[in-house]
Every structure is written in structure tokens, then in C-alpha cells.
ModelCIF file with pLDDT and N, C-alpha, C, O atoms, coordinates in Angstrom:
data_MODEL
#
_entry.id   MODEL 
#
_entity.id                         1 
_entity.type                       polymer 
_entity.pdbx_number_of_molecules   1 
#
_entity_poly.entity_id                      1 
_entity_poly.type                           'polypeptide(L)' 
_entity_poly.nstd_linkage                   no 
_entity_poly.nstd_monomer                   no 
_entity_poly.pdbx_seq_one_letter_code       
;(UNK)(UNK)(UNK)(UNK)(UNK)(UNK)(UNK)(UNK)(UNK)(UNK)(UNK)(UNK)(UNK)(UNK)(UNK)(UNK)
(UNK)(UNK)(UNK)(UNK)(UNK)(UNK)(UNK)(UNK)(UNK)(UNK)(UNK)(UNK)(UNK)(UNK)(UNK)(UNK)
(UNK)
;
_entity_poly.pdbx_seq_one_letter_code_can   XXXXXXXXXXXXXXXXXXXXXXXXXXXXXXXXX 
_entity_poly.pdbx_strand_id                 A 
#
loop_
_entity_poly_seq.entity_id 
_entity_poly_seq.num 
_entity_poly_seq.mon_id 
_entity_poly_seq.hetero 
1 1  UNK n 
1 2  UNK n 
1 3  UNK n 
1 4  UNK n 
1 5  UNK n 
1 6  UNK n 
1 7  UNK n 
1 8  UNK n 
1 9  UNK n 
1 10 UNK n 
1 11 UNK n 
1 12 UNK n 
1 13 UNK n 
1 14 UNK n 
1 15 UNK n 
1 16 UNK n 
1 17 UNK n 
1 18 UNK n 
1 19 UNK n 
1 20 UNK n 
1 21 UNK n 
1 22 UNK n 
1 23 UNK n 
1 24 UNK n 
1 25 UNK n 
1 26 UNK n 
1 27 UNK n 
1 28 UNK n 
1 29 UNK n 
1 30 UNK n 
1 31 UNK n 
1 32 UNK n 
1 33 UNK n 
#
_struct_asym.id          A 
_struct_asym.entity_id   1 
#
loop_
_ma_qa_metric.id 
_ma_qa_metric.mode 
_ma_qa_metric.name 
_ma_qa_metric.software_group_id 
_ma_qa_metric.type 
1 global pLDDT . pLDDT 
2 local  pLDDT . pLDDT 
#
_ma_qa_metric_global.metric_id      1 
_ma_qa_metric_global.metric_value   93.24 
_ma_qa_metric_global.model_id       1 
_ma_qa_metric_global.ordinal_id     1 
#
loop_
_ma_qa_metric_local.label_asym_id 
_ma_qa_metric_local.label_comp_id 
_ma_qa_metric_local.label_seq_id 
_ma_qa_metric_local.metric_id 
_ma_qa_metric_local.metric_value 
_ma_qa_metric_local.model_id 
_ma_qa_metric_local.ordinal_id 
A UNK 1  2 78.00 1 1  
A UNK 2  2 86.00 1 2  
A UNK 3  2 90.00 1 3  
A UNK 4  2 91.00 1 4  
A UNK 5  2 92.00 1 5  
A UNK 6  2 95.00 1 6  
A UNK 7  2 94.00 1 7  
A UNK 8  2 96.00 1 8  
A UNK 9  2 94.00 1 9  
A UNK 10 2 94.00 1 10 
A UNK 11 2 95.00 1 11 
A UNK 12 2 96.00 1 12 
A UNK 13 2 94.00 1 13 
A UNK 14 2 94.00 1 14 
A UNK 15 2 96.00 1 15 
A UNK 16 2 96.00 1 16 
A UNK 17 2 94.00 1 17 
A UNK 18 2 91.00 1 18 
A UNK 19 2 90.00 1 19 
A UNK 20 2 90.00 1 20 
A UNK 21 2 92.00 1 21 
A UNK 22 2 92.00 1 22 
A UNK 23 2 93.00 1 23 
A UNK 24 2 93.00 1 24 
A UNK 25 2 93.00 1 25 
A UNK 26 2 95.00 1 26 
A UNK 27 2 96.00 1 27 
A UNK 28 2 95.00 1 28 
A UNK 29 2 95.00 1 29 
A UNK 30 2 96.00 1 30 
A UNK 31 2 97.00 1 31 
A UNK 32 2 97.00 1 32 
A UNK 33 2 97.00 1 33 
#
loop_
_atom_site.group_PDB 
_atom_site.id 
_atom_site.type_symbol 
_atom_site.label_atom_id 
_atom_site.label_alt_id 
_atom_site.label_comp_id 
_atom_site.label_asym_id 
_atom_site.label_entity_id 
_atom_site.label_seq_id 
_atom_site.pdbx_PDB_ins_code 
_atom_site.Cartn_x 
_atom_site.Cartn_y 
_atom_site.Cartn_z 
_atom_site.occupancy 
_atom_site.B_iso_or_equiv 
_atom_site.pdbx_formal_charge 
_atom_site.auth_seq_id 
_atom_site.auth_comp_id 
_atom_site.auth_asym_id 
_atom_site.auth_atom_id 
_atom_site.pdbx_PDB_model_num 
ATOM 1   N N  . UNK A 1 1  ? 68.048 62.674 -1.486 1.00 78.00 ? 1  UNK A N  1 
ATOM 2   C CA . UNK A 1 1  ? 67.672 62.923 -0.207 1.00 78.00 ? 1  UNK A CA 1 
ATOM 3   C C  . UNK A 1 1  ? 68.244 64.266 0.227  1.00 78.00 ? 1  UNK A C  1 
ATOM 4   O O  . UNK A 1 1  ? 67.487 65.150 0.628  1.00 78.00 ? 1  UNK A O  1 
ATOM 5   N N  . UNK A 1 2  ? 69.519 64.435 0.160  1.00 86.00 ? 2  UNK A N  1 
ATOM 6   C CA . UNK A 1 2  ? 70.047 65.617 0.550  1.00 86.00 ? 2  UNK A CA 1 
ATOM 7   C C  . UNK A 1 2  ? 69.691 66.944 -0.398 1.00 86.00 ? 2  UNK A C  1 
ATOM 8   O O  . UNK A 1 2  ? 69.525 68.101 -0.012 1.00 86.00 ? 2  UNK A O  1 
ATOM 9   N N  . UNK A 1 3  ? 69.632 66.486 -1.588 1.00 90.00 ? 3  UNK A N  1 
ATOM 10  C CA . UNK A 1 3  ? 69.367 67.643 -2.584 1.00 90.00 ? 3  UNK A CA 1 
ATOM 11  C C  . UNK A 1 3  ? 68.152 68.481 -2.378 1.00 90.00 ? 3  UNK A C  1 
ATOM 12  O O  . UNK A 1 3  ? 68.111 69.669 -2.698 1.00 90.00 ? 3  UNK A O  1 
ATOM 13  N N  . UNK A 1 4  ? 67.186 67.844 -1.845 1.00 91.00 ? 4  UNK A N  1 
ATOM 14  C CA . UNK A 1 4  ? 65.892 68.764 -1.520 1.00 91.00 ? 4  UNK A CA 1 
ATOM 15  C C  . UNK A 1 4  ? 65.870 69.335 -0.123 1.00 91.00 ? 4  UNK A C  1 
ATOM 16  O O  . UNK A 1 4  ? 64.874 69.912 0.314  1.00 91.00 ? 4  UNK A O  1 
ATOM 17  N N  . UNK A 1 5  ? 67.071 69.153 0.630  1.00 92.00 ? 5  UNK A N  1 
ATOM 18  C CA . UNK A 1 5  ? 66.963 69.591 2.121  1.00 92.00 ? 5  UNK A CA 1 
ATOM 19  C C  . UNK A 1 5  ? 67.602 71.002 1.955  1.00 92.00 ? 5  UNK A C  1 
ATOM 20  O O  . UNK A 1 5  ? 68.298 71.340 0.999  1.00 92.00 ? 5  UNK A O  1 
ATOM 21  N N  . UNK A 1 6  ? 67.245 71.822 3.089  1.00 95.00 ? 6  UNK A N  1 
ATOM 22  C CA . UNK A 1 6  ? 67.939 72.977 3.271  1.00 95.00 ? 6  UNK A CA 1 
ATOM 23  C C  . UNK A 1 6  ? 69.464 72.856 3.575  1.00 95.00 ? 6  UNK A C  1 
ATOM 24  O O  . UNK A 1 6  ? 69.928 71.933 4.244  1.00 95.00 ? 6  UNK A O  1 
ATOM 25  N N  . UNK A 1 7  ? 70.247 73.914 3.002  1.00 94.00 ? 7  UNK A N  1 
ATOM 26  C CA . UNK A 1 7  ? 71.710 73.786 3.095  1.00 94.00 ? 7  UNK A CA 1 
ATOM 27  C C  . UNK A 1 7  ? 72.199 73.568 4.505  1.00 94.00 ? 7  UNK A C  1 
ATOM 28  O O  . UNK A 1 7  ? 73.146 72.832 4.781  1.00 94.00 ? 7  UNK A O  1 
ATOM 29  N N  . UNK A 1 8  ? 71.531 74.217 5.327  1.00 96.00 ? 8  UNK A N  1 
ATOM 30  C CA . UNK A 1 8  ? 71.955 74.214 6.792  1.00 96.00 ? 8  UNK A CA 1 
ATOM 31  C C  . UNK A 1 8  ? 71.835 72.861 7.322  1.00 96.00 ? 8  UNK A C  1 
ATOM 32  O O  . UNK A 1 8  ? 72.720 72.395 8.040  1.00 96.00 ? 8  UNK A O  1 
ATOM 33  N N  . UNK A 1 9  ? 70.740 72.174 6.993  1.00 94.00 ? 9  UNK A N  1 
ATOM 34  C CA . UNK A 1 9  ? 70.418 70.685 7.563  1.00 94.00 ? 9  UNK A CA 1 
ATOM 35  C C  . UNK A 1 9  ? 71.517 69.781 6.889  1.00 94.00 ? 9  UNK A C  1 
ATOM 36  O O  . UNK A 1 9  ? 71.904 68.813 7.543  1.00 94.00 ? 9  UNK A O  1 
ATOM 37  N N  . UNK A 1 10 ? 72.047 69.999 5.665  1.00 94.00 ? 10 UNK A N  1 
ATOM 38  C CA . UNK A 1 10 ? 72.901 69.247 5.093  1.00 94.00 ? 10 UNK A CA 1 
ATOM 39  C C  . UNK A 1 10 ? 74.280 69.575 5.804  1.00 94.00 ? 10 UNK A C  1 
ATOM 40  O O  . UNK A 1 10 ? 75.063 68.651 6.019  1.00 94.00 ? 10 UNK A O  1 
ATOM 41  N N  . UNK A 1 11 ? 74.550 70.703 6.124  1.00 95.00 ? 11 UNK A N  1 
ATOM 42  C CA . UNK A 1 11 ? 75.748 71.068 6.760  1.00 95.00 ? 11 UNK A CA 1 
ATOM 43  C C  . UNK A 1 11 ? 75.901 70.652 8.142  1.00 95.00 ? 11 UNK A C  1 
ATOM 44  O O  . UNK A 1 11 ? 77.007 70.335 8.580  1.00 95.00 ? 11 UNK A O  1 
ATOM 45  N N  . UNK A 1 12 ? 74.780 70.635 8.901  1.00 96.00 ? 12 UNK A N  1 
ATOM 46  C CA . UNK A 1 12 ? 74.630 70.119 10.197 1.00 96.00 ? 12 UNK A CA 1 
ATOM 47  C C  . UNK A 1 12 ? 74.769 68.593 10.150 1.00 96.00 ? 12 UNK A C  1 
ATOM 48  O O  . UNK A 1 12 ? 75.394 68.061 11.067 1.00 96.00 ? 12 UNK A O  1 
ATOM 49  N N  . UNK A 1 13 ? 74.250 67.835 9.176  1.00 94.00 ? 13 UNK A N  1 
ATOM 50  C CA . UNK A 1 13 ? 74.422 66.410 9.205  1.00 94.00 ? 13 UNK A CA 1 
ATOM 51  C C  . UNK A 1 13 ? 75.924 66.023 8.731  1.00 94.00 ? 13 UNK A C  1 
ATOM 52  O O  . UNK A 1 13 ? 76.397 64.945 9.091  1.00 94.00 ? 13 UNK A O  1 
ATOM 53  N N  . UNK A 1 14 ? 76.645 66.888 7.943  1.00 94.00 ? 14 UNK A N  1 
ATOM 54  C CA . UNK A 1 14 ? 77.917 66.673 7.539  1.00 94.00 ? 14 UNK A CA 1 
ATOM 55  C C  . UNK A 1 14 ? 78.915 66.774 8.702  1.00 94.00 ? 14 UNK A C  1 
ATOM 56  O O  . UNK A 1 14 ? 79.894 66.030 8.765  1.00 94.00 ? 14 UNK A O  1 
ATOM 57  N N  . UNK A 1 15 ? 78.611 67.818 9.721  1.00 96.00 ? 15 UNK A N  1 
ATOM 58  C CA . UNK A 1 15 ? 79.417 67.924 10.830 1.00 96.00 ? 15 UNK A CA 1 
ATOM 59  C C  . UNK A 1 15 ? 79.113 67.049 11.987 1.00 96.00 ? 15 UNK A C  1 
ATOM 60  O O  . UNK A 1 15 ? 79.830 67.092 12.986 1.00 96.00 ? 15 UNK A O  1 
ATOM 61  N N  . UNK A 1 16 ? 78.104 66.270 11.909 1.00 96.00 ? 16 UNK A N  1 
ATOM 62  C CA . UNK A 1 16 ? 77.599 65.389 13.022 1.00 96.00 ? 16 UNK A CA 1 
ATOM 63  C C  . UNK A 1 16 ? 78.441 64.110 13.090 1.00 96.00 ? 16 UNK A C  1 
ATOM 64  O O  . UNK A 1 16 ? 79.191 63.830 12.155 1.00 96.00 ? 16 UNK A O  1 
ATOM 65  N N  . UNK A 1 17 ? 78.346 63.401 14.069 1.00 94.00 ? 17 UNK A N  1 
ATOM 66  C CA . UNK A 1 17 ? 79.005 62.064 14.284 1.00 94.00 ? 17 UNK A CA 1 
ATOM 67  C C  . UNK A 1 17 ? 78.099 61.119 13.561 1.00 94.00 ? 17 UNK A C  1 
ATOM 68  O O  . UNK A 1 17 ? 77.470 60.270 14.192 1.00 94.00 ? 17 UNK A O  1 
ATOM 69  N N  . UNK A 1 18 ? 78.009 61.230 12.302 1.00 91.00 ? 18 UNK A N  1 
ATOM 70  C CA . UNK A 1 18 ? 77.236 60.260 11.497 1.00 91.00 ? 18 UNK A CA 1 
ATOM 71  C C  . UNK A 1 18 ? 78.151 59.702 10.317 1.00 91.00 ? 18 UNK A C  1 
ATOM 72  O O  . UNK A 1 18 ? 79.126 60.355 9.946  1.00 91.00 ? 18 UNK A O  1 
ATOM 73  N N  . UNK A 1 19 ? 77.821 58.494 9.741  1.00 90.00 ? 19 UNK A N  1 
ATOM 74  C CA . UNK A 1 19 ? 78.530 58.057 8.769  1.00 90.00 ? 19 UNK A CA 1 
ATOM 75  C C  . UNK A 1 19 ? 78.326 58.631 7.363  1.00 90.00 ? 19 UNK A C  1 
ATOM 76  O O  . UNK A 1 19 ? 79.112 58.532 6.421  1.00 90.00 ? 19 UNK A O  1 
ATOM 77  N N  . UNK A 1 20 ? 77.067 59.284 7.380  1.00 90.00 ? 20 UNK A N  1 
ATOM 78  C CA . UNK A 1 20 ? 76.581 59.868 6.175  1.00 90.00 ? 20 UNK A CA 1 
ATOM 79  C C  . UNK A 1 20 ? 75.960 61.247 6.273  1.00 90.00 ? 20 UNK A C  1 
ATOM 80  O O  . UNK A 1 20 ? 75.104 61.300 7.157  1.00 90.00 ? 20 UNK A O  1 
ATOM 81  N N  . UNK A 1 21 ? 76.148 62.345 5.629  1.00 92.00 ? 21 UNK A N  1 
ATOM 82  C CA . UNK A 1 21 ? 76.850 62.450 4.394  1.00 92.00 ? 21 UNK A CA 1 
ATOM 83  C C  . UNK A 1 21 ? 78.383 62.356 4.724  1.00 92.00 ? 21 UNK A C  1 
ATOM 84  O O  . UNK A 1 21 ? 78.826 62.569 5.853  1.00 92.00 ? 21 UNK A O  1 
ATOM 85  N N  . UNK A 1 22 ? 79.083 62.047 3.737  1.00 92.00 ? 22 UNK A N  1 
ATOM 86  C CA . UNK A 1 22 ? 80.565 62.005 3.927  1.00 92.00 ? 22 UNK A CA 1 
ATOM 87  C C  . UNK A 1 22 ? 81.407 62.738 2.836  1.00 92.00 ? 22 UNK A C  1 
ATOM 88  O O  . UNK A 1 22 ? 80.955 63.703 2.220  1.00 92.00 ? 22 UNK A O  1 
ATOM 89  N N  . UNK A 1 23 ? 82.482 62.300 2.657  1.00 93.00 ? 23 UNK A N  1 
ATOM 90  C CA . UNK A 1 23 ? 83.287 63.000 1.578  1.00 93.00 ? 23 UNK A CA 1 
ATOM 91  C C  . UNK A 1 23 ? 82.958 62.884 0.229  1.00 93.00 ? 23 UNK A C  1 
ATOM 92  O O  . UNK A 1 23 ? 83.318 63.704 -0.615 1.00 93.00 ? 23 UNK A O  1 
ATOM 93  N N  . UNK A 1 24 ? 82.203 61.773 -0.032 1.00 93.00 ? 24 UNK A N  1 
ATOM 94  C CA . UNK A 1 24 ? 81.761 61.640 -1.463 1.00 93.00 ? 24 UNK A CA 1 
ATOM 95  C C  . UNK A 1 24 ? 80.668 62.690 -1.898 1.00 93.00 ? 24 UNK A C  1 
ATOM 96  O O  . UNK A 1 24 ? 80.679 63.291 -2.972 1.00 93.00 ? 24 UNK A O  1 
ATOM 97  N N  . UNK A 1 25 ? 79.707 62.824 -0.889 1.00 93.00 ? 25 UNK A N  1 
ATOM 98  C CA . UNK A 1 25 ? 78.633 63.925 -1.211 1.00 93.00 ? 25 UNK A CA 1 
ATOM 99  C C  . UNK A 1 25 ? 79.137 65.287 -1.136 1.00 93.00 ? 25 UNK A C  1 
ATOM 100 O O  . UNK A 1 25 ? 78.684 66.191 -1.837 1.00 93.00 ? 25 UNK A O  1 
ATOM 101 N N  . UNK A 1 26 ? 80.122 65.445 -0.246 1.00 95.00 ? 26 UNK A N  1 
ATOM 102 C CA . UNK A 1 26 ? 80.697 66.903 0.081  1.00 95.00 ? 26 UNK A CA 1 
ATOM 103 C C  . UNK A 1 26 ? 81.472 67.217 -1.195 1.00 95.00 ? 26 UNK A C  1 
ATOM 104 O O  . UNK A 1 26 ? 81.329 68.324 -1.713 1.00 95.00 ? 26 UNK A O  1 
ATOM 105 N N  . UNK A 1 27 ? 82.345 66.240 -1.771 1.00 96.00 ? 27 UNK A N  1 
ATOM 106 C CA . UNK A 1 27 ? 82.984 66.345 -3.093 1.00 96.00 ? 27 UNK A CA 1 
ATOM 107 C C  . UNK A 1 27 ? 81.882 66.634 -4.175 1.00 96.00 ? 27 UNK A C  1 
ATOM 108 O O  . UNK A 1 27 ? 82.073 67.570 -4.951 1.00 96.00 ? 27 UNK A O  1 
ATOM 109 N N  . UNK A 1 28 ? 80.792 65.916 -4.264 1.00 95.00 ? 28 UNK A N  1 
ATOM 110 C CA . UNK A 1 28 ? 79.862 66.155 -5.252 1.00 95.00 ? 28 UNK A CA 1 
ATOM 111 C C  . UNK A 1 28 ? 79.256 67.609 -5.240 1.00 95.00 ? 28 UNK A C  1 
ATOM 112 O O  . UNK A 1 28 ? 79.068 68.256 -6.270 1.00 95.00 ? 28 UNK A O  1 
ATOM 113 N N  . UNK A 1 29 ? 78.972 68.052 -3.985 1.00 95.00 ? 29 UNK A N  1 
ATOM 114 C CA . UNK A 1 29 ? 78.483 69.416 -3.683 1.00 95.00 ? 29 UNK A CA 1 
ATOM 115 C C  . UNK A 1 29 ? 79.490 70.477 -4.188 1.00 95.00 ? 29 UNK A C  1 
ATOM 116 O O  . UNK A 1 29 ? 79.076 71.438 -4.836 1.00 95.00 ? 29 UNK A O  1 
ATOM 117 N N  . UNK A 1 30 ? 80.729 70.332 -3.922 1.00 96.00 ? 30 UNK A N  1 
ATOM 118 C CA . UNK A 1 30 ? 81.782 71.213 -4.363 1.00 96.00 ? 30 UNK A CA 1 
ATOM 119 C C  . UNK A 1 30 ? 81.875 71.210 -5.914 1.00 96.00 ? 30 UNK A C  1 
ATOM 120 O O  . UNK A 1 30 ? 81.953 72.248 -6.571 1.00 96.00 ? 30 UNK A O  1 
ATOM 121 N N  . UNK A 1 31 ? 81.862 70.024 -6.420 1.00 97.00 ? 31 UNK A N  1 
ATOM 122 C CA . UNK A 1 31 ? 81.903 70.078 -8.014 1.00 97.00 ? 31 UNK A CA 1 
ATOM 123 C C  . UNK A 1 31 ? 80.727 70.703 -8.576 1.00 97.00 ? 31 UNK A C  1 
ATOM 124 O O  . UNK A 1 31 ? 80.871 71.527 -9.479 1.00 97.00 ? 31 UNK A O  1 
ATOM 125 N N  . UNK A 1 32 ? 79.523 70.388 -8.119 1.00 97.00 ? 32 UNK A N  1 
ATOM 126 C CA . UNK A 1 32 ? 78.207 71.010 -8.562 1.00 97.00 ? 32 UNK A CA 1 
ATOM 127 C C  . UNK A 1 32 ? 78.198 72.461 -8.429 1.00 97.00 ? 32 UNK A C  1 
ATOM 128 O O  . UNK A 1 32 ? 77.717 73.149 -9.329 1.00 97.00 ? 32 UNK A O  1 
ATOM 129 N N  . UNK A 1 33 ? 78.777 73.070 -7.193 1.00 97.00 ? 33 UNK A N  1 
ATOM 130 C CA . UNK A 1 33 ? 78.924 74.510 -7.095 1.00 97.00 ? 33 UNK A CA 1 
ATOM 131 C C  . UNK A 1 33 ? 79.963 75.016 -8.211 1.00 97.00 ? 33 UNK A C  1 
ATOM 132 O O  . UNK A 1 33 ? 80.235 76.213 -8.304 1.00 97.00 ? 33 UNK A O  1 
#
């Protein structure tokens, strides 16, 4: 789901008061980078 969305959208969701995305996907993004 997040893989195909613009980076800005992912970062907005990451900063929002939402349960997902969370630390797991953020860690995976850092590892993939």
C-alpha cells in the first residue's frame, strides 16, 4: 500500500495521529534506503 504512494503522503501519514504506518514500516523504509 505505502510502496506505491508518493513519499510525501507516506510521511504525512507517519506524522499523523494514526496507528499505521508505525515504527515497523519506518524501519523498513530506512533499511531499504
